[in-house]
């Protein structure tokens, strides 16, 4: 999954579930790390960070993304 797809997924989750999606992401991270699924937890960490940016209106998740 690329950066744009990850941002769109986070945006869709935020639209559908609101603020509770951040708590879901936090639980997913903790559970996956406890179970030894570190790479999966990293993906959820990225989604969690994007969710925080969306909530703070730091960027438009539907705009083209420039990775620097």
C-alpha atoms as a PDB file:
ATOM      1  CA  UNK A   1       0.000   0.000   0.000  1.00  0.00           C
ATOM      2  CA  UNK A   2       1.410   3.354  -1.016  1.00  0.00           C
ATOM      3  CA  UNK A   3       1.311   6.683   0.781  1.00  0.00           C
ATOM      4  CA  UNK A   4      -1.762   7.970  -1.070  1.00  0.00           C
ATOM      5  CA  UNK A   5      -3.734   4.781  -0.426  1.00  0.00           C
ATOM      6  CA  UNK A   6      -2.787   4.871   3.255  1.00  0.00           C
ATOM      7  CA  UNK A   7      -3.938   8.493   3.541  1.00  0.00           C
ATOM      8  CA  UNK A   8      -7.221   7.688   1.801  1.00  0.00           C
ATOM      9  CA  UNK A   9      -7.776   4.725   4.101  1.00  0.00           C
ATOM     10  CA  UNK A  10      -7.134   6.889   7.171  1.00  0.00           C
ATOM     11  CA  UNK A  11      -9.491   9.553   5.826  1.00  0.00           C
ATOM     12  CA  UNK A  12     -12.208   6.979   5.159  1.00  0.00           C
ATOM     13  CA  UNK A  13     -11.797   5.539   8.646  1.00  0.00           C
ATOM     14  CA  UNK A  14     -11.941   9.019  10.198  1.00  0.00           C
ATOM     15  CA  UNK A  15     -15.096   9.883   8.250  1.00  0.00           C
ATOM     16  CA  UNK A  16     -16.802   6.627   9.154  1.00  0.00           C
ATOM     17  CA  UNK A  17     -15.813   6.276  12.800  1.00  0.00           C
ATOM     18  CA  UNK A  18     -14.821   9.759  13.969  1.00  0.00           C
ATOM     19  CA  UNK A  19     -12.561  10.243  16.963  1.00  0.00           C
ATOM     20  CA  UNK A  20     -12.918   6.665  18.176  1.00  0.00           C
ATOM     21  CA  UNK A  21     -10.797   5.401  15.282  1.00  0.00           C
ATOM     22  CA  UNK A  22      -7.656   6.751  16.994  1.00  0.00           C
ATOM     23  CA  UNK A  23      -8.404   4.581  20.025  1.00  0.00           C
ATOM     24  CA  UNK A  24      -8.940   1.599  17.737  1.00  0.00           C
ATOM     25  CA  UNK A  25      -5.556   2.279  16.130  1.00  0.00           C
ATOM     26  CA  UNK A  26      -3.888   2.516  19.543  1.00  0.00           C
ATOM     27  CA  UNK A  27      -5.401  -0.813  20.599  1.00  0.00           C
ATOM     28  CA  UNK A  28      -4.378  -2.416  17.308  1.00  0.00           C
ATOM     29  CA  UNK A  29      -0.796  -1.216  17.772  1.00  0.00           C
ATOM     30  CA  UNK A  30      -0.601  -2.545  21.334  1.00  0.00           C
ATOM     31  CA  UNK A  31      -2.178  -5.882  20.455  1.00  0.00           C
ATOM     32  CA  UNK A  32      -0.072  -6.454  17.361  1.00  0.00           C
ATOM     33  CA  UNK A  33       3.155  -5.575  19.180  1.00  0.00           C
ATOM     34  CA  UNK A  34       2.252  -7.844  22.086  1.00  0.00           C
ATOM     35  CA  UNK A  35       1.607 -10.665  19.623  1.00  0.00           C
ATOM     36  CA  UNK A  36       4.935 -10.044  17.845  1.00  0.00           C
ATOM     37  CA  UNK A  37       3.487  -8.610  14.633  1.00  0.00           C
ATOM     38  CA  UNK A  38       5.815  -5.630  14.556  1.00  0.00           C
ATOM     39  CA  UNK A  39       5.450  -4.826  10.835  1.00  0.00           C
ATOM     40  CA  UNK A  40       1.666  -4.792  11.071  1.00  0.00           C
ATOM     41  CA  UNK A  41       1.909  -2.551  14.130  1.00  0.00           C
ATOM     42  CA  UNK A  42       4.098  -0.145  12.137  1.00  0.00           C
ATOM     43  CA  UNK A  43       1.389   0.198   9.509  1.00  0.00           C
ATOM     44  CA  UNK A  44      -1.141   1.018  12.218  1.00  0.00           C
ATOM     45  CA  UNK A  45       1.323   3.540  13.682  1.00  0.00           C
ATOM     46  CA  UNK A  46       1.467   5.278  10.312  1.00  0.00           C
ATOM     47  CA  UNK A  47      -2.327   5.292  10.081  1.00  0.00           C
ATOM     48  CA  UNK A  48      -2.522   6.641  13.642  1.00  0.00           C
ATOM     49  CA  UNK A  49      -0.134   9.490  12.765  1.00  0.00           C
ATOM     50  CA  UNK A  50      -2.131  10.327   9.647  1.00  0.00           C
ATOM     51  CA  UNK A  51      -5.352  10.299  11.680  1.00  0.00           C
ATOM     52  CA  UNK A  52      -3.806  12.816  14.080  1.00  0.00           C
ATOM     53  CA  UNK A  53      -2.835  15.055  11.157  1.00  0.00           C
ATOM     54  CA  UNK A  54      -6.344  14.814   9.716  1.00  0.00           C
ATOM     55  CA  UNK A  55      -7.931  15.640  13.085  1.00  0.00           C
ATOM     56  CA  UNK A  56      -5.648  18.681  13.456  1.00  0.00           C
ATOM     57  CA  UNK A  57      -6.363  19.817   9.862  1.00  0.00           C
ATOM     58  CA  UNK A  58      -2.646  19.739   9.050  1.00  0.00           C
ATOM     59  CA  UNK A  59      -3.282  18.443   5.530  1.00  0.00           C
ATOM     60  CA  UNK A  60      -5.985  17.422   3.108  1.00  0.00           C
ATOM     61  CA  UNK A  61      -5.923  13.616   2.826  1.00  0.00           C
ATOM     62  CA  UNK A  62      -7.545  13.809  -0.613  1.00  0.00           C
ATOM     63  CA  UNK A  63      -4.983  16.201  -2.103  1.00  0.00           C
ATOM     64  CA  UNK A  64      -2.018  14.892  -4.097  1.00  0.00           C
ATOM     65  CA  UNK A  65       0.788  13.864  -1.774  1.00  0.00           C
ATOM     66  CA  UNK A  66       4.380  15.009  -2.132  1.00  0.00           C
ATOM     67  CA  UNK A  67       6.884  12.841  -0.269  1.00  0.00           C
ATOM     68  CA  UNK A  68      10.142  14.694   0.487  1.00  0.00           C
END
